């Protein structure tokens, strides 16, 4: 069982406040910025494996803001050490959601290594995250998301997803200076 990625992302919209930062990568990023365009969407595409590290830096620098990291499973595999570093940093304001589709979707849909056996929540538990969840049903995610976000941080959730509606991959926007300038300005002024 799995959740359509765009349905999962819609579940987050009511929980992301105007001062909160969202760090999203690859297809999840494209879907998120189409569903919830806002200046505090940190564009991290092109930094495979770095979403959690970027989120951790933002969480440490801005402890008064909630930081949501919407990571891909293939991306996280590129930097599993970030789980240990984040758990050790003890940041209460960071929530790491890994969208598990067991493929490198934007790179042609190739399967991740050992795709069927990888347990991302198990990685987070072993790294020392105090709050770890697994979700694969939309209704359960919607119902439990407020409780998950209220647990001690940093928190981690492996979301089993499948592709939802297609959203445009606007590489010119995500690689352009305007997105970064808007983010920096919003971070300074909100």
C-alpha atoms as a PDB file:
ATOM      1  CA  UNK A   1       0.000   0.000   0.000  1.00  0.00           C
ATOM      2  CA  UNK A   2       1.216   3.516  -0.746  1.00  0.00           C
ATOM      3  CA  UNK A   3       0.066   7.131  -0.946  1.00  0.00           C
ATOM      4  CA  UNK A   4       0.002   9.265  -4.075  1.00  0.00           C
ATOM      5  CA  UNK A   5       2.875  11.717  -3.567  1.00  0.00           C
ATOM      6  CA  UNK A   6       0.746  14.782  -4.289  1.00  0.00           C
ATOM      7  CA  UNK A   7      -1.905  13.592  -1.805  1.00  0.00           C
ATOM      8  CA  UNK A   8       0.780  13.202   0.849  1.00  0.00           C
ATOM      9  CA  UNK A   9       2.093  16.686   0.112  1.00  0.00           C
ATOM     10  CA  UNK A  10      -1.405  18.177   0.313  1.00  0.00           C
ATOM     11  CA  UNK A  11      -1.685  16.721   3.824  1.00  0.00           C
ATOM     12  CA  UNK A  12       1.267  18.884   4.889  1.00  0.00           C
ATOM     13  CA  UNK A  13      -0.064  22.213   3.597  1.00  0.00           C
ATOM     14  CA  UNK A  14      -2.188  23.039   6.685  1.00  0.00           C
ATOM     15  CA  UNK A  15       0.777  22.269   8.961  1.00  0.00           C
ATOM     16  CA  UNK A  16       3.367  24.454   7.212  1.00  0.00           C
ATOM     17  CA  UNK A  17       3.095  27.925   8.695  1.00  0.00           C
ATOM     18  CA  UNK A  18       4.096  31.202   7.022  1.00  0.00           C
ATOM     19  CA  UNK A  19       7.477  31.251   8.845  1.00  0.00           C
ATOM     20  CA  UNK A  20       8.279  27.571   8.320  1.00  0.00           C
ATOM     21  CA  UNK A  21      10.898  26.401   5.838  1.00  0.00           C
ATOM     22  CA  UNK A  22      10.417  23.482   3.460  1.00  0.00           C
ATOM     23  CA  UNK A  23      13.512  21.832   1.971  1.00  0.00           C
ATOM     24  CA  UNK A  24      12.435  19.502  -0.828  1.00  0.00           C
ATOM     25  CA  UNK A  25      14.350  17.615  -3.494  1.00  0.00           C
ATOM     26  CA  UNK A  26      13.762  16.291  -6.981  1.00  0.00           C
ATOM     27  CA  UNK A  27      10.244  15.236  -7.976  1.00  0.00           C
ATOM     28  CA  UNK A  28       8.891  15.949  -4.501  1.00  0.00           C
ATOM     29  CA  UNK A  29      10.223  19.496  -4.886  1.00  0.00           C
ATOM     30  CA  UNK A  30       8.560  19.997  -8.255  1.00  0.00           C
ATOM     31  CA  UNK A  31       5.263  18.691  -6.882  1.00  0.00           C
ATOM     32  CA  UNK A  32       5.510  20.778  -3.681  1.00  0.00           C
ATOM     33  CA  UNK A  33       6.239  24.078  -5.421  1.00  0.00           C
ATOM     34  CA  UNK A  34       3.318  23.456  -7.787  1.00  0.00           C
ATOM     35  CA  UNK A  35       0.958  22.644  -4.895  1.00  0.00           C
ATOM     36  CA  UNK A  36       2.194  25.240  -2.407  1.00  0.00           C
ATOM     37  CA  UNK A  37       4.268  27.999  -4.011  1.00  0.00           C
ATOM     38  CA  UNK A  38       5.826  30.181  -1.327  1.00  0.00           C
ATOM     39  CA  UNK A  39       9.104  32.042  -0.874  1.00  0.00           C
ATOM     40  CA  UNK A  40      10.229  29.857   2.056  1.00  0.00           C
ATOM     41  CA  UNK A  41      10.442  26.788  -0.157  1.00  0.00           C
ATOM     42  CA  UNK A  42      14.165  26.081  -0.183  1.00  0.00           C
ATOM     43  CA  UNK A  43      15.100  24.774  -3.611  1.00  0.00           C
ATOM     44  CA  UNK A  44      17.623  21.945  -3.132  1.00  0.00           C
ATOM     45  CA  UNK A  45      17.415  20.165  -6.481  1.00  0.00           C
ATOM     46  CA  UNK A  46      20.864  19.386  -7.794  1.00  0.00           C
ATOM     47  CA  UNK A  47      22.195  18.598  -4.332  1.00  0.00           C
ATOM     48  CA  UNK A  48      21.437  14.873  -4.274  1.00  0.00           C
ATOM     49  CA  UNK A  49      21.932  13.556  -0.774  1.00  0.00           C
ATOM     50  CA  UNK A  50      22.137  17.009   0.787  1.00  0.00           C
ATOM     51  CA  UNK A  51      18.514  17.806   1.691  1.00  0.00           C
ATOM     52  CA  UNK A  52      18.806  16.705   5.305  1.00  0.00           C
ATOM     53  CA  UNK A  53      22.160  18.450   5.732  1.00  0.00           C
ATOM     54  CA  UNK A  54      20.688  21.684   4.351  1.00  0.00           C
ATOM     55  CA  UNK A  55      17.638  21.249   6.605  1.00  0.00           C
ATOM     56  CA  UNK A  56      19.848  20.664   9.633  1.00  0.00           C
ATOM     57  CA  UNK A  57      21.818  23.840   8.929  1.00  0.00           C
ATOM     58  CA  UNK A  58      18.589  25.823   8.656  1.00  0.00           C
ATOM     59  CA  UNK A  59      17.208  24.232  11.849  1.00  0.00           C
ATOM     60  CA  UNK A  60      20.352  25.106  13.793  1.00  0.00           C
ATOM     61  CA  UNK A  61      20.436  28.668  12.449  1.00  0.00           C
ATOM     62  CA  UNK A  62      16.702  29.265  12.968  1.00  0.00           C
ATOM     63  CA  UNK A  63      15.522  27.381  16.075  1.00  0.00           C
ATOM     64  CA  UNK A  64      12.376  29.532  16.133  1.00  0.00           C
ATOM     65  CA  UNK A  65      11.167  28.089  12.791  1.00  0.00           C
ATOM     66  CA  UNK A  66       9.855  24.655  11.899  1.00  0.00           C
ATOM     67  CA  UNK A  67      11.979  23.011   9.227  1.00  0.00           C
ATOM     68  CA  UNK A  68      10.367  20.358   7.018  1.00  0.00           C
ATOM     69  CA  UNK A  69      12.641  18.213   4.857  1.00  0.00           C
ATOM     70  CA  UNK A  70      10.874  16.385   2.017  1.00  0.00           C
ATOM     71  CA  UNK A  71      13.568  13.988   0.874  1.00  0.00           C
ATOM     72  CA  UNK A  72      13.701  11.215  -1.676  1.00  0.00           C
ATOM     73  CA  UNK A  73      14.804   7.715  -0.809  1.00  0.00           C
ATOM     74  CA  UNK A  74      17.463   7.658  -3.514  1.00  0.00           C
ATOM     75  CA  UNK A  75      18.683  11.048  -2.367  1.00  0.00           C
ATOM     76  CA  UNK A  76      18.963   9.962   1.265  1.00  0.00           C
ATOM     77  CA  UNK A  77      20.945   6.883   0.238  1.00  0.00           C
ATOM     78  CA  UNK A  78      23.642   9.241  -1.057  1.00  0.00           C
ATOM     79  CA  UNK A  79      24.280  10.616   2.446  1.00  0.00           C
ATOM     80  CA  UNK A  80      23.116   8.264   5.206  1.00  0.00           C
ATOM     81  CA  UNK A  81      25.613   9.899   7.552  1.00  0.00           C
ATOM     82  CA  UNK A  82      23.308  12.923   7.715  1.00  0.00           C
ATOM     83  CA  UNK A  83      20.898  10.811   9.798  1.00  0.00           C
ATOM     84  CA  UNK A  84      23.517  10.267  12.498  1.00  0.00           C
ATOM     85  CA  UNK A  85      24.613  13.917  12.456  1.00  0.00           C
ATOM     86  CA  UNK A  86      21.019  15.165  12.663  1.00  0.00           C
ATOM     87  CA  UNK A  87      20.045  12.800  15.476  1.00  0.00           C
ATOM     88  CA  UNK A  88      23.146  13.890  17.410  1.00  0.00           C
ATOM     89  CA  UNK A  89      22.378  17.576  16.894  1.00  0.00           C
ATOM     90  CA  UNK A  90      19.156  17.147  18.872  1.00  0.00           C
ATOM     91  CA  UNK A  91      17.221  19.788  16.906  1.00  0.00           C
ATOM     92  CA  UNK A  92      13.627  19.906  18.073  1.00  0.00           C
ATOM     93  CA  UNK A  93      12.383  21.968  15.122  1.00  0.00           C
ATOM     94  CA  UNK A  94      13.291  19.554  12.300  1.00  0.00           C
ATOM     95  CA  UNK A  95      10.997  16.991  10.661  1.00  0.00           C
ATOM     96  CA  UNK A  96      12.472  14.698   8.007  1.00  0.00           C
ATOM     97  CA  UNK A  97       9.984  13.014   5.667  1.00  0.00           C
ATOM     98  CA  UNK A  98      11.426  10.545   3.182  1.00  0.00           C
ATOM     99  CA  UNK A  99       9.221   9.863   0.164  1.00  0.00           C
ATOM    100  CA  UNK A 100       9.926   6.200  -0.496  1.00  0.00           C
ATOM    101  CA  UNK A 101       9.124   5.079  -4.035  1.00  0.00           C
ATOM    102  CA  UNK A 102      12.175   2.828  -4.312  1.00  0.00           C
ATOM    103  CA  UNK A 103      13.359   4.460  -7.544  1.00  0.00           C
ATOM    104  CA  UNK A 104      15.512   7.302  -8.795  1.00  0.00           C
ATOM    105  CA  UNK A 105      12.405   8.809 -10.382  1.00  0.00           C
ATOM    106  CA  UNK A 106      13.723  11.971 -12.049  1.00  0.00           C
ATOM    107  CA  UNK A 107      16.732  10.084 -13.365  1.00  0.00           C
ATOM    108  CA  UNK A 108      14.712   7.615 -15.402  1.00  0.00           C
ATOM    109  CA  UNK A 109      12.888   5.571 -12.779  1.00  0.00           C
ATOM    110  CA  UNK A 110      15.778   3.204 -12.116  1.00  0.00           C
ATOM    111  CA  UNK A 111      15.393   1.165  -8.913  1.00  0.00           C
ATOM    112  CA  UNK A 112      17.437   2.086  -5.873  1.00  0.00           C
ATOM    113  CA  UNK A 113      19.900  -0.593  -4.716  1.00  0.00           C
ATOM    114  CA  UNK A 114      18.263  -3.454  -2.789  1.00  0.00           C
ATOM    115  CA  UNK A 115      14.955  -1.631  -3.315  1.00  0.00           C
ATOM    116  CA  UNK A 116      12.612  -4.180  -1.753  1.00  0.00           C
ATOM    117  CA  UNK A 117      14.597  -4.694   1.444  1.00  0.00           C
ATOM    118  CA  UNK A 118      15.676  -1.159   2.437  1.00  0.00           C
ATOM    119  CA  UNK A 119      14.118   0.032   5.704  1.00  0.00           C
ATOM    120  CA  UNK A 120      14.531   3.797   5.894  1.00  0.00           C
ATOM    121  CA  UNK A 121      12.740   4.124   9.235  1.00  0.00           C
ATOM    122  CA  UNK A 122      15.096   1.438  10.546  1.00  0.00           C
ATOM    123  CA  UNK A 123      18.054   3.600   9.489  1.00  0.00           C
ATOM    124  CA  UNK A 124      16.608   6.547  11.432  1.00  0.00           C
ATOM    125  CA  UNK A 125      15.957   4.426  14.516  1.00  0.00           C
ATOM    126  CA  UNK A 126      19.515   3.067  14.427  1.00  0.00           C
ATOM    127  CA  UNK A 127      20.872   6.612  13.989  1.00  0.00           C
ATOM    128  CA  UNK A 128      19.121   7.712  17.191  1.00  0.00           C
ATOM    129  CA  UNK A 129      16.136   9.752  16.028  1.00  0.00           C
ATOM    130  CA  UNK A 130      13.795  10.042  19.043  1.00  0.00           C
ATOM    131  CA  UNK A 131      10.605   9.915  16.963  1.00  0.00           C
ATOM    132  CA  UNK A 132      10.344   7.575  13.958  1.00  0.00           C
ATOM    133  CA  UNK A 133       7.255   6.738  11.925  1.00  0.00           C
ATOM    134  CA  UNK A 134       6.187   4.731   8.888  1.00  0.00           C
ATOM    135  CA  UNK A 135       3.160   5.710   6.822  1.00  0.00           C
ATOM    136  CA  UNK A 136       1.600   4.127   3.769  1.00  0.00           C
ATOM    137  CA  UNK A 137      -2.059   5.183   3.912  1.00  0.00           C
ATOM    138  CA  UNK A 138      -3.363   8.649   3.101  1.00  0.00           C
ATOM    139  CA  UNK A 139      -6.169   8.696   5.703  1.00  0.00           C
ATOM    140  CA  UNK A 140      -3.800   7.528   8.438  1.00  0.00           C
ATOM    141  CA  UNK A 141      -1.231  10.167   7.470  1.00  0.00           C
ATOM    142  CA  UNK A 142      -3.833  12.934   7.585  1.00  0.00           C
ATOM    143  CA  UNK A 143      -5.099  11.695  10.957  1.00  0.00           C
ATOM    144  CA  UNK A 144      -1.706  11.183  12.606  1.00  0.00           C
ATOM    145  CA  UNK A 145       0.318  14.063  11.147  1.00  0.00           C
ATOM    146  CA  UNK A 146      -0.541  16.520  13.973  1.00  0.00           C
ATOM    147  CA  UNK A 147       0.491  13.920  16.567  1.00  0.00           C
ATOM    148  CA  UNK A 148       3.690  13.126  14.679  1.00  0.00           C
ATOM    149  CA  UNK A 149       4.636  16.805  14.495  1.00  0.00           C
ATOM    150  CA  UNK A 150       4.097  17.137  18.259  1.00  0.00           C
ATOM    151  CA  UNK A 151       6.594  14.396  19.162  1.00  0.00           C
ATOM    152  CA  UNK A 152      10.166  15.156  20.253  1.00  0.00           C
ATOM    153  CA  UNK A 153      12.430  16.194  17.422  1.00  0.00           C
ATOM    154  CA  UNK A 154      14.177  15.624  15.294  1.00  0.00           C
ATOM    155  CA  UNK A 155      11.451  13.432  13.903  1.00  0.00           C
ATOM    156  CA  UNK A 156      11.571  11.076  10.916  1.00  0.00           C
ATOM    157  CA  UNK A 157       8.882   9.496   8.788  1.00  0.00           C
ATOM    158  CA  UNK A 158       9.217   7.071   5.890  1.00  0.00           C
ATOM    159  CA  UNK A 159       6.262   7.658   3.557  1.00  0.00           C
ATOM    160  CA  UNK A 160       5.587   4.873   1.057  1.00  0.00           C
ATOM    161  CA  UNK A 161       4.458   6.768  -2.048  1.00  0.00           C
ATOM    162  CA  UNK A 162       3.735   6.363  -5.712  1.00  0.00           C
ATOM    163  CA  UNK A 163       3.635   9.041  -8.417  1.00  0.00           C
ATOM    164  CA  UNK A 164       0.501  11.131  -8.310  1.00  0.00           C
ATOM    165  CA  UNK A 165      -0.606  13.700 -10.850  1.00  0.00           C
ATOM    166  CA  UNK A 166       2.200  14.906 -13.121  1.00  0.00           C
ATOM    167  CA  UNK A 167       3.597  18.332 -12.263  1.00  0.00           C
ATOM    168  CA  UNK A 168       5.953  20.334 -14.454  1.00  0.00           C
ATOM    169  CA  UNK A 169       9.669  20.056 -13.902  1.00  0.00           C
ATOM    170  CA  UNK A 170      10.616  23.717 -14.137  1.00  0.00           C
ATOM    171  CA  UNK A 171      14.398  23.482 -14.026  1.00  0.00           C
ATOM    172  CA  UNK A 172      14.842  27.107 -15.073  1.00  0.00           C
ATOM    173  CA  UNK A 173      13.044  28.209 -11.892  1.00  0.00           C
ATOM    174  CA  UNK A 174      14.800  25.864  -9.487  1.00  0.00           C
ATOM    175  CA  UNK A 175      18.244  26.626 -10.886  1.00  0.00           C
ATOM    176  CA  UNK A 176      17.571  30.347 -11.287  1.00  0.00           C
ATOM    177  CA  UNK A 177      18.648  33.188  -9.066  1.00  0.00           C
ATOM    178  CA  UNK A 178      15.078  34.412  -8.494  1.00  0.00           C
ATOM    179  CA  UNK A 179      14.125  31.411  -6.336  1.00  0.00           C
ATOM    180  CA  UNK A 180      17.212  31.834  -4.155  1.00  0.00           C
ATOM    181  CA  UNK A 181      16.774  35.588  -3.835  1.00  0.00           C
ATOM    182  CA  UNK A 182      13.106  35.195  -2.864  1.00  0.00           C
ATOM    183  CA  UNK A 183      14.054  32.592  -0.261  1.00  0.00           C
ATOM    184  CA  UNK A 184      16.844  34.718   1.230  1.00  0.00           C
ATOM    185  CA  UNK A 185      14.602  37.786   1.392  1.00  0.00           C
ATOM    186  CA  UNK A 186      11.750  35.829   3.040  1.00  0.00           C
ATOM    187  CA  UNK A 187      14.172  34.339   5.563  1.00  0.00           C
ATOM    188  CA  UNK A 188      15.378  37.834   6.491  1.00  0.00           C
ATOM    189  CA  UNK A 189      11.964  39.484   6.699  1.00  0.00           C
ATOM    190  CA  UNK A 190       9.586  36.920   8.235  1.00  0.00           C
END
